[in-house]
Structures are given as C-alpha cells and as structure tokens.
Amino acid sequence: MIRVSILYPNNPDQGSRFNMSYYIDTHMPMSIELLSAHSGFKGVSVERGLGGAQPGTEATYVALCHFLFTSVADFMAAFTPHAATLQNDMPNYTNIEPVIQINEVLISL
C-alpha cells in the first residue's frame, strides 16, 4: 500500500492563501470522484494544520491530503488522465506550491 501526501506549507508572511471551504466543498469532492473510480483507490484523508510542536506556534502545513492506493502504478493510472483538471483547479483555492511525497505504508491501524 502507498500513501500520496500532498502538503501545503503554511507561509502567511509570504502572501500565501488557502481557501479551505473551496478545497473541502469543491476541489476534494471532485478529486475523490475522479480518483476513486480506479480500483486501486483505497481511501483519502484531509487535515487542517492547527499548530506547531510548541504551544502557540503556527502549523508547518495549512492543509494536508493523503490518498491511499495499492501501488504507485495504480495511483498514476488514476491520476494521469485527470492531472490537468485537478491542477487547473488549484488557483481556485491556493497559490501555494504543494510538497508531494509518495510513501510506502508499513503500519496502519
């Protein structure tokens, strides 16, 4: 199992913006509809950053999205046909360049 993590760094001092309502109400339902049509899709979670390790500090990421797929090949097969649609929607909710990381899931409860 693999997890594709899409992390949006929290940089308010650099003029970054993130419209969480649009992301949750519009972008993610579209993403889920498109990607979950592939049999390798196993789930998704979205998180909002609330704070850093030290009390009162800012979260490192304003938002995090994690897609679960059976393999990298399955993710690519699901994502590639819809890449332009999903990427072209990004300006509607953010100007942040996301950090994307693909991970092998070793433990999940």
N, C-alpha and C. Protein backbone atom coordinates (compact mmCIF):
# COMPACT_ATOMS: atom_id res chain seq x y z
N MET A 1 0.85 -1.17 0.00
CA MET A 1 0.00 0.00 0.00
C MET A 1 0.89 1.23 0.00
N ILE A 2 0.47 2.26 -0.75
CA ILE A 2 1.23 3.51 -0.77
C ILE A 2 0.30 4.67 -0.37
N ARG A 3 0.91 5.71 0.17
CA ARG A 3 0.19 6.94 0.52
C ARG A 3 0.85 8.08 -0.25
N VAL A 4 0.02 8.80 -0.98
CA VAL A 4 0.48 10.01 -1.67
C VAL A 4 0.06 11.18 -0.80
N SER A 5 1.05 11.88 -0.26
CA SER A 5 0.79 13.01 0.62
C SER A 5 1.00 14.31 -0.14
N ILE A 6 0.01 15.18 -0.07
CA ILE A 6 0.06 16.49 -0.70
C ILE A 6 -0.01 17.50 0.44
N LEU A 7 1.09 18.19 0.68
CA LEU A 7 1.25 19.06 1.84
C LEU A 7 1.36 20.51 1.38
N TYR A 8 0.56 21.38 1.98
CA TYR A 8 0.54 22.79 1.62
C TYR A 8 1.21 23.59 2.72
N PRO A 9 2.49 24.04 2.50
CA PRO A 9 3.21 24.77 3.53
C PRO A 9 2.48 26.05 3.96
N ASN A 10 2.56 26.32 5.25
CA ASN A 10 1.92 27.49 5.85
C ASN A 10 2.92 28.65 5.83
N ASN A 11 2.77 29.55 4.86
CA ASN A 11 3.68 30.68 4.71
C ASN A 11 2.91 31.99 4.60
N PRO A 12 2.14 32.38 5.63
CA PRO A 12 1.32 33.59 5.51
C PRO A 12 2.15 34.86 5.31
N ASP A 13 3.38 34.88 5.82
CA ASP A 13 4.23 36.06 5.65
C ASP A 13 4.74 36.21 4.22
N GLN A 14 4.55 35.21 3.39
CA GLN A 14 4.98 35.26 2.00
C GLN A 14 3.78 35.46 1.06
N GLY A 15 2.64 35.87 1.63
CA GLY A 15 1.46 36.14 0.81
C GLY A 15 0.70 34.91 0.37
N SER A 16 0.93 33.78 1.02
CA SER A 16 0.22 32.57 0.61
C SER A 16 -1.24 32.64 1.06
N ARG A 17 -2.10 32.00 0.27
CA ARG A 17 -3.51 31.94 0.62
C ARG A 17 -4.01 30.52 0.41
N PHE A 18 -4.99 30.14 1.21
CA PHE A 18 -5.60 28.82 1.08
C PHE A 18 -7.06 28.94 1.47
N ASN A 19 -7.96 28.66 0.54
CA ASN A 19 -9.39 28.73 0.78
C ASN A 19 -9.88 27.32 1.16
N MET A 20 -9.92 27.08 2.46
CA MET A 20 -10.27 25.74 2.96
C MET A 20 -11.70 25.36 2.55
N SER A 21 -12.62 26.30 2.57
CA SER A 21 -14.01 25.98 2.19
C SER A 21 -14.08 25.47 0.76
N TYR A 22 -13.41 26.15 -0.16
CA TYR A 22 -13.42 25.70 -1.56
C TYR A 22 -12.76 24.33 -1.66
N TYR A 23 -11.65 24.16 -0.97
CA TYR A 23 -10.91 22.91 -1.02
C TYR A 23 -11.78 21.73 -0.56
N ILE A 24 -12.47 21.91 0.57
CA ILE A 24 -13.28 20.85 1.16
C ILE A 24 -14.59 20.64 0.39
N ASP A 25 -15.22 21.73 -0.01
CA ASP A 25 -16.56 21.64 -0.61
C ASP A 25 -16.56 21.40 -2.12
N THR A 26 -15.47 21.76 -2.80
CA THR A 26 -15.45 21.66 -4.26
C THR A 26 -14.31 20.81 -4.79
N HIS A 27 -13.07 21.19 -4.44
CA HIS A 27 -11.92 20.50 -5.03
C HIS A 27 -11.83 19.04 -4.59
N MET A 28 -11.94 18.78 -3.29
CA MET A 28 -11.80 17.40 -2.82
C MET A 28 -12.92 16.48 -3.30
N PRO A 29 -14.18 16.91 -3.30
CA PRO A 29 -15.21 16.02 -3.87
C PRO A 29 -14.92 15.67 -5.34
N MET A 30 -14.43 16.65 -6.10
CA MET A 30 -14.08 16.38 -7.50
C MET A 30 -12.91 15.39 -7.55
N SER A 31 -11.88 15.61 -6.75
CA SER A 31 -10.73 14.72 -6.72
C SER A 31 -11.13 13.30 -6.34
N ILE A 32 -11.96 13.18 -5.33
CA ILE A 32 -12.38 11.87 -4.87
C ILE A 32 -13.20 11.16 -5.94
N GLU A 33 -14.10 11.90 -6.58
CA GLU A 33 -14.91 11.29 -7.64
C GLU A 33 -14.03 10.77 -8.76
N LEU A 34 -13.05 11.56 -9.18
CA LEU A 34 -12.19 11.16 -10.31
C LEU A 34 -11.25 10.02 -9.94
N LEU A 35 -10.59 10.12 -8.80
CA LEU A 35 -9.57 9.14 -8.45
C LEU A 35 -10.15 7.84 -7.89
N SER A 36 -11.28 7.93 -7.22
CA SER A 36 -11.85 6.71 -6.62
C SER A 36 -12.47 5.78 -7.66
N ALA A 37 -12.59 6.24 -8.90
CA ALA A 37 -13.11 5.36 -9.96
C ALA A 37 -12.12 4.24 -10.28
N HIS A 38 -10.86 4.42 -9.90
CA HIS A 38 -9.85 3.39 -10.14
C HIS A 38 -9.91 2.35 -9.02
N SER A 39 -9.79 1.10 -9.38
CA SER A 39 -9.90 0.01 -8.40
C SER A 39 -8.77 0.03 -7.37
N GLY A 40 -7.65 0.68 -7.67
CA GLY A 40 -6.54 0.74 -6.73
C GLY A 40 -6.71 1.77 -5.63
N PHE A 41 -7.73 2.62 -5.74
CA PHE A 41 -8.01 3.64 -4.73
C PHE A 41 -8.50 2.97 -3.45
N LYS A 42 -7.89 3.31 -2.31
CA LYS A 42 -8.26 2.69 -1.04
C LYS A 42 -8.75 3.68 0.00
N GLY A 43 -8.59 4.97 -0.25
CA GLY A 43 -9.09 5.95 0.72
C GLY A 43 -8.38 7.28 0.60
N VAL A 44 -8.89 8.23 1.37
CA VAL A 44 -8.32 9.57 1.38
C VAL A 44 -8.61 10.21 2.74
N SER A 45 -7.72 11.06 3.18
CA SER A 45 -7.98 11.87 4.37
C SER A 45 -7.46 13.28 4.09
N VAL A 46 -8.12 14.25 4.69
CA VAL A 46 -7.71 15.65 4.58
C VAL A 46 -7.61 16.20 5.99
N GLU A 47 -6.55 16.96 6.24
CA GLU A 47 -6.31 17.53 7.56
C GLU A 47 -6.03 19.01 7.44
N ARG A 48 -6.43 19.76 8.47
CA ARG A 48 -6.11 21.18 8.57
C ARG A 48 -5.06 21.34 9.67
N GLY A 49 -3.99 22.06 9.36
CA GLY A 49 -2.96 22.31 10.36
C GLY A 49 -3.47 23.26 11.43
N LEU A 50 -3.30 22.88 12.69
CA LEU A 50 -3.78 23.72 13.79
C LEU A 50 -2.67 24.42 14.56
N GLY A 51 -1.50 23.79 14.65
CA GLY A 51 -0.42 24.40 15.41
C GLY A 51 0.84 23.58 15.31
N GLY A 52 1.93 24.18 15.76
CA GLY A 52 3.22 23.52 15.74
C GLY A 52 3.47 22.74 17.02
N ALA A 53 4.67 22.19 17.13
CA ALA A 53 5.03 21.36 18.29
C ALA A 53 5.04 22.17 19.58
N GLN A 54 5.43 23.42 19.50
CA GLN A 54 5.44 24.29 20.67
C GLN A 54 4.11 25.02 20.77
N PRO A 55 3.53 25.08 21.95
CA PRO A 55 2.25 25.79 22.12
C PRO A 55 2.35 27.22 21.59
N GLY A 56 1.32 27.60 20.84
CA GLY A 56 1.26 28.96 20.31
C GLY A 56 1.99 29.18 19.00
N THR A 57 2.65 28.14 18.47
CA THR A 57 3.35 28.30 17.19
C THR A 57 2.45 27.88 16.04
N GLU A 58 2.75 28.41 14.87
CA GLU A 58 1.97 28.11 13.67
C GLU A 58 2.23 26.68 13.19
N ALA A 59 1.22 26.11 12.57
CA ALA A 59 1.37 24.80 11.94
C ALA A 59 2.33 24.89 10.77
N THR A 60 3.10 23.85 10.55
CA THR A 60 4.03 23.81 9.41
C THR A 60 3.27 23.78 8.10
N TYR A 61 2.13 23.10 8.09
CA TYR A 61 1.31 22.98 6.88
C TYR A 61 -0.10 23.48 7.18
N VAL A 62 -0.66 24.26 6.27
CA VAL A 62 -2.03 24.75 6.42
C VAL A 62 -3.03 23.64 6.12
N ALA A 63 -2.68 22.74 5.21
CA ALA A 63 -3.55 21.62 4.86
C ALA A 63 -2.70 20.45 4.39
N LEU A 64 -3.24 19.24 4.60
CA LEU A 64 -2.57 18.02 4.19
C LEU A 64 -3.63 17.08 3.61
N CYS A 65 -3.30 16.45 2.51
CA CYS A 65 -4.19 15.49 1.88
C CYS A 65 -3.40 14.21 1.66
N HIS A 66 -4.01 13.07 2.00
CA HIS A 66 -3.33 11.79 1.88
C HIS A 66 -4.23 10.81 1.13
N PHE A 67 -3.79 10.40 -0.05
CA PHE A 67 -4.51 9.40 -0.84
C PHE A 67 -3.85 8.04 -0.63
N LEU A 68 -4.65 7.01 -0.42
CA LEU A 68 -4.16 5.64 -0.30
C LEU A 68 -4.48 4.88 -1.58
N PHE A 69 -3.46 4.21 -2.12
CA PHE A 69 -3.60 3.37 -3.31
C PHE A 69 -2.83 2.07 -3.08
N THR A 70 -3.18 1.06 -3.83
CA THR A 70 -2.50 -0.22 -3.69
C THR A 70 -1.05 -0.15 -4.17
N SER A 71 -0.77 0.73 -5.15
CA SER A 71 0.59 0.83 -5.68
C SER A 71 0.78 2.20 -6.34
N VAL A 72 2.03 2.54 -6.59
CA VAL A 72 2.33 3.78 -7.32
C VAL A 72 1.74 3.71 -8.72
N ALA A 73 1.83 2.54 -9.35
CA ALA A 73 1.27 2.37 -10.70
C ALA A 73 -0.23 2.63 -10.69
N ASP A 74 -0.93 2.16 -9.68
CA ASP A 74 -2.37 2.41 -9.59
C ASP A 74 -2.67 3.89 -9.39
N PHE A 75 -1.87 4.55 -8.55
CA PHE A 75 -2.07 5.99 -8.38
C PHE A 75 -1.87 6.72 -9.70
N MET A 76 -0.80 6.40 -10.38
CA MET A 76 -0.51 7.08 -11.65
C MET A 76 -1.60 6.81 -12.68
N ALA A 77 -2.11 5.60 -12.72
CA ALA A 77 -3.19 5.26 -13.65
C ALA A 77 -4.46 6.04 -13.32
N ALA A 78 -4.72 6.27 -12.04
CA ALA A 78 -5.90 7.02 -11.63
C ALA A 78 -5.71 8.52 -11.85
N PHE A 79 -4.52 9.03 -11.54
CA PHE A 79 -4.27 10.47 -11.56
C PHE A 79 -4.00 11.03 -12.96
N THR A 80 -3.18 10.35 -13.73
CA THR A 80 -2.71 10.90 -15.01
C THR A 80 -3.82 11.38 -15.94
N PRO A 81 -4.91 10.64 -16.14
CA PRO A 81 -5.95 11.13 -17.04
C PRO A 81 -6.64 12.42 -16.55
N HIS A 82 -6.53 12.70 -15.23
CA HIS A 82 -7.23 13.84 -14.64
C HIS A 82 -6.27 14.92 -14.13
N ALA A 83 -4.98 14.75 -14.39
CA ALA A 83 -3.98 15.67 -13.85
C ALA A 83 -4.26 17.12 -14.23
N ALA A 84 -4.54 17.39 -15.47
CA ALA A 84 -4.76 18.76 -15.92
C ALA A 84 -5.99 19.36 -15.23
N THR A 85 -7.06 18.60 -15.13
CA THR A 85 -8.28 19.09 -14.48
C THR A 85 -8.01 19.46 -13.03
N LEU A 86 -7.35 18.57 -12.30
CA LEU A 86 -7.08 18.81 -10.89
C LEU A 86 -6.09 19.95 -10.68
N GLN A 87 -5.04 19.98 -11.47
CA GLN A 87 -4.04 21.04 -11.33
C GLN A 87 -4.59 22.40 -11.77
N ASN A 88 -5.44 22.42 -12.77
CA ASN A 88 -6.02 23.69 -13.23
C ASN A 88 -7.01 24.26 -12.22
N ASP A 89 -7.51 23.44 -11.31
CA ASP A 89 -8.42 23.92 -10.27
C ASP A 89 -7.68 24.53 -9.09
N MET A 90 -6.40 24.28 -8.97
CA MET A 90 -5.64 24.76 -7.81
C MET A 90 -5.71 26.27 -7.59
N PRO A 91 -5.63 27.11 -8.61
CA PRO A 91 -5.71 28.56 -8.36
C PRO A 91 -7.02 28.99 -7.71
N ASN A 92 -8.04 28.15 -7.78
CA ASN A 92 -9.32 28.48 -7.14
C ASN A 92 -9.26 28.39 -5.62
N TYR A 93 -8.27 27.66 -5.09
CA TYR A 93 -8.19 27.55 -3.63
C TYR A 93 -6.83 27.92 -3.04
N THR A 94 -5.78 28.00 -3.85
CA THR A 94 -4.48 28.33 -3.26
C THR A 94 -3.49 28.87 -4.29
N ASN A 95 -2.51 29.57 -3.77
CA ASN A 95 -1.35 29.95 -4.57
C ASN A 95 -0.09 29.29 -4.01
N ILE A 96 -0.28 28.32 -3.14
CA ILE A 96 0.83 27.60 -2.51
C ILE A 96 1.27 26.45 -3.40
N GLU A 97 2.57 26.34 -3.59
CA GLU A 97 3.14 25.19 -4.31
C GLU A 97 3.19 24.02 -3.33
N PRO A 98 2.43 22.96 -3.57
CA PRO A 98 2.41 21.86 -2.60
C PRO A 98 3.69 21.03 -2.63
N VAL A 99 3.96 20.42 -1.50
CA VAL A 99 5.02 19.43 -1.37
C VAL A 99 4.33 18.08 -1.53
N ILE A 100 4.82 17.27 -2.47
CA ILE A 100 4.20 15.97 -2.72
C ILE A 100 5.22 14.88 -2.40
N GLN A 101 4.77 13.90 -1.64
CA GLN A 101 5.65 12.80 -1.28
C GLN A 101 4.87 11.50 -1.39
N ILE A 102 5.52 10.48 -1.94
CA ILE A 102 4.92 9.15 -2.04
C ILE A 102 5.61 8.27 -1.00
N ASN A 103 4.79 7.60 -0.20
CA ASN A 103 5.30 6.80 0.91
C ASN A 103 4.79 5.37 0.81
N GLU A 104 5.59 4.44 1.27
CA GLU A 104 5.13 3.07 1.44
C GLU A 104 4.56 2.96 2.85
N VAL A 105 3.34 2.50 2.98
CA VAL A 105 2.70 2.34 4.28
C VAL A 105 3.16 1.02 4.87
N LEU A 106 3.81 1.10 6.02
CA LEU A 106 4.34 -0.10 6.67
C LEU A 106 3.44 -0.54 7.83
N ILE A 107 2.84 0.42 8.53
CA ILE A 107 1.91 0.12 9.62
C ILE A 107 0.72 1.05 9.47
N SER A 108 -0.47 0.48 9.55
CA SER A 108 -1.69 1.27 9.54
C SER A 108 -2.73 0.53 10.36
N LEU A 109 -3.28 1.19 11.34
CA LEU A 109 -4.27 0.54 12.22
C LEU A 109 -5.63 1.12 11.99
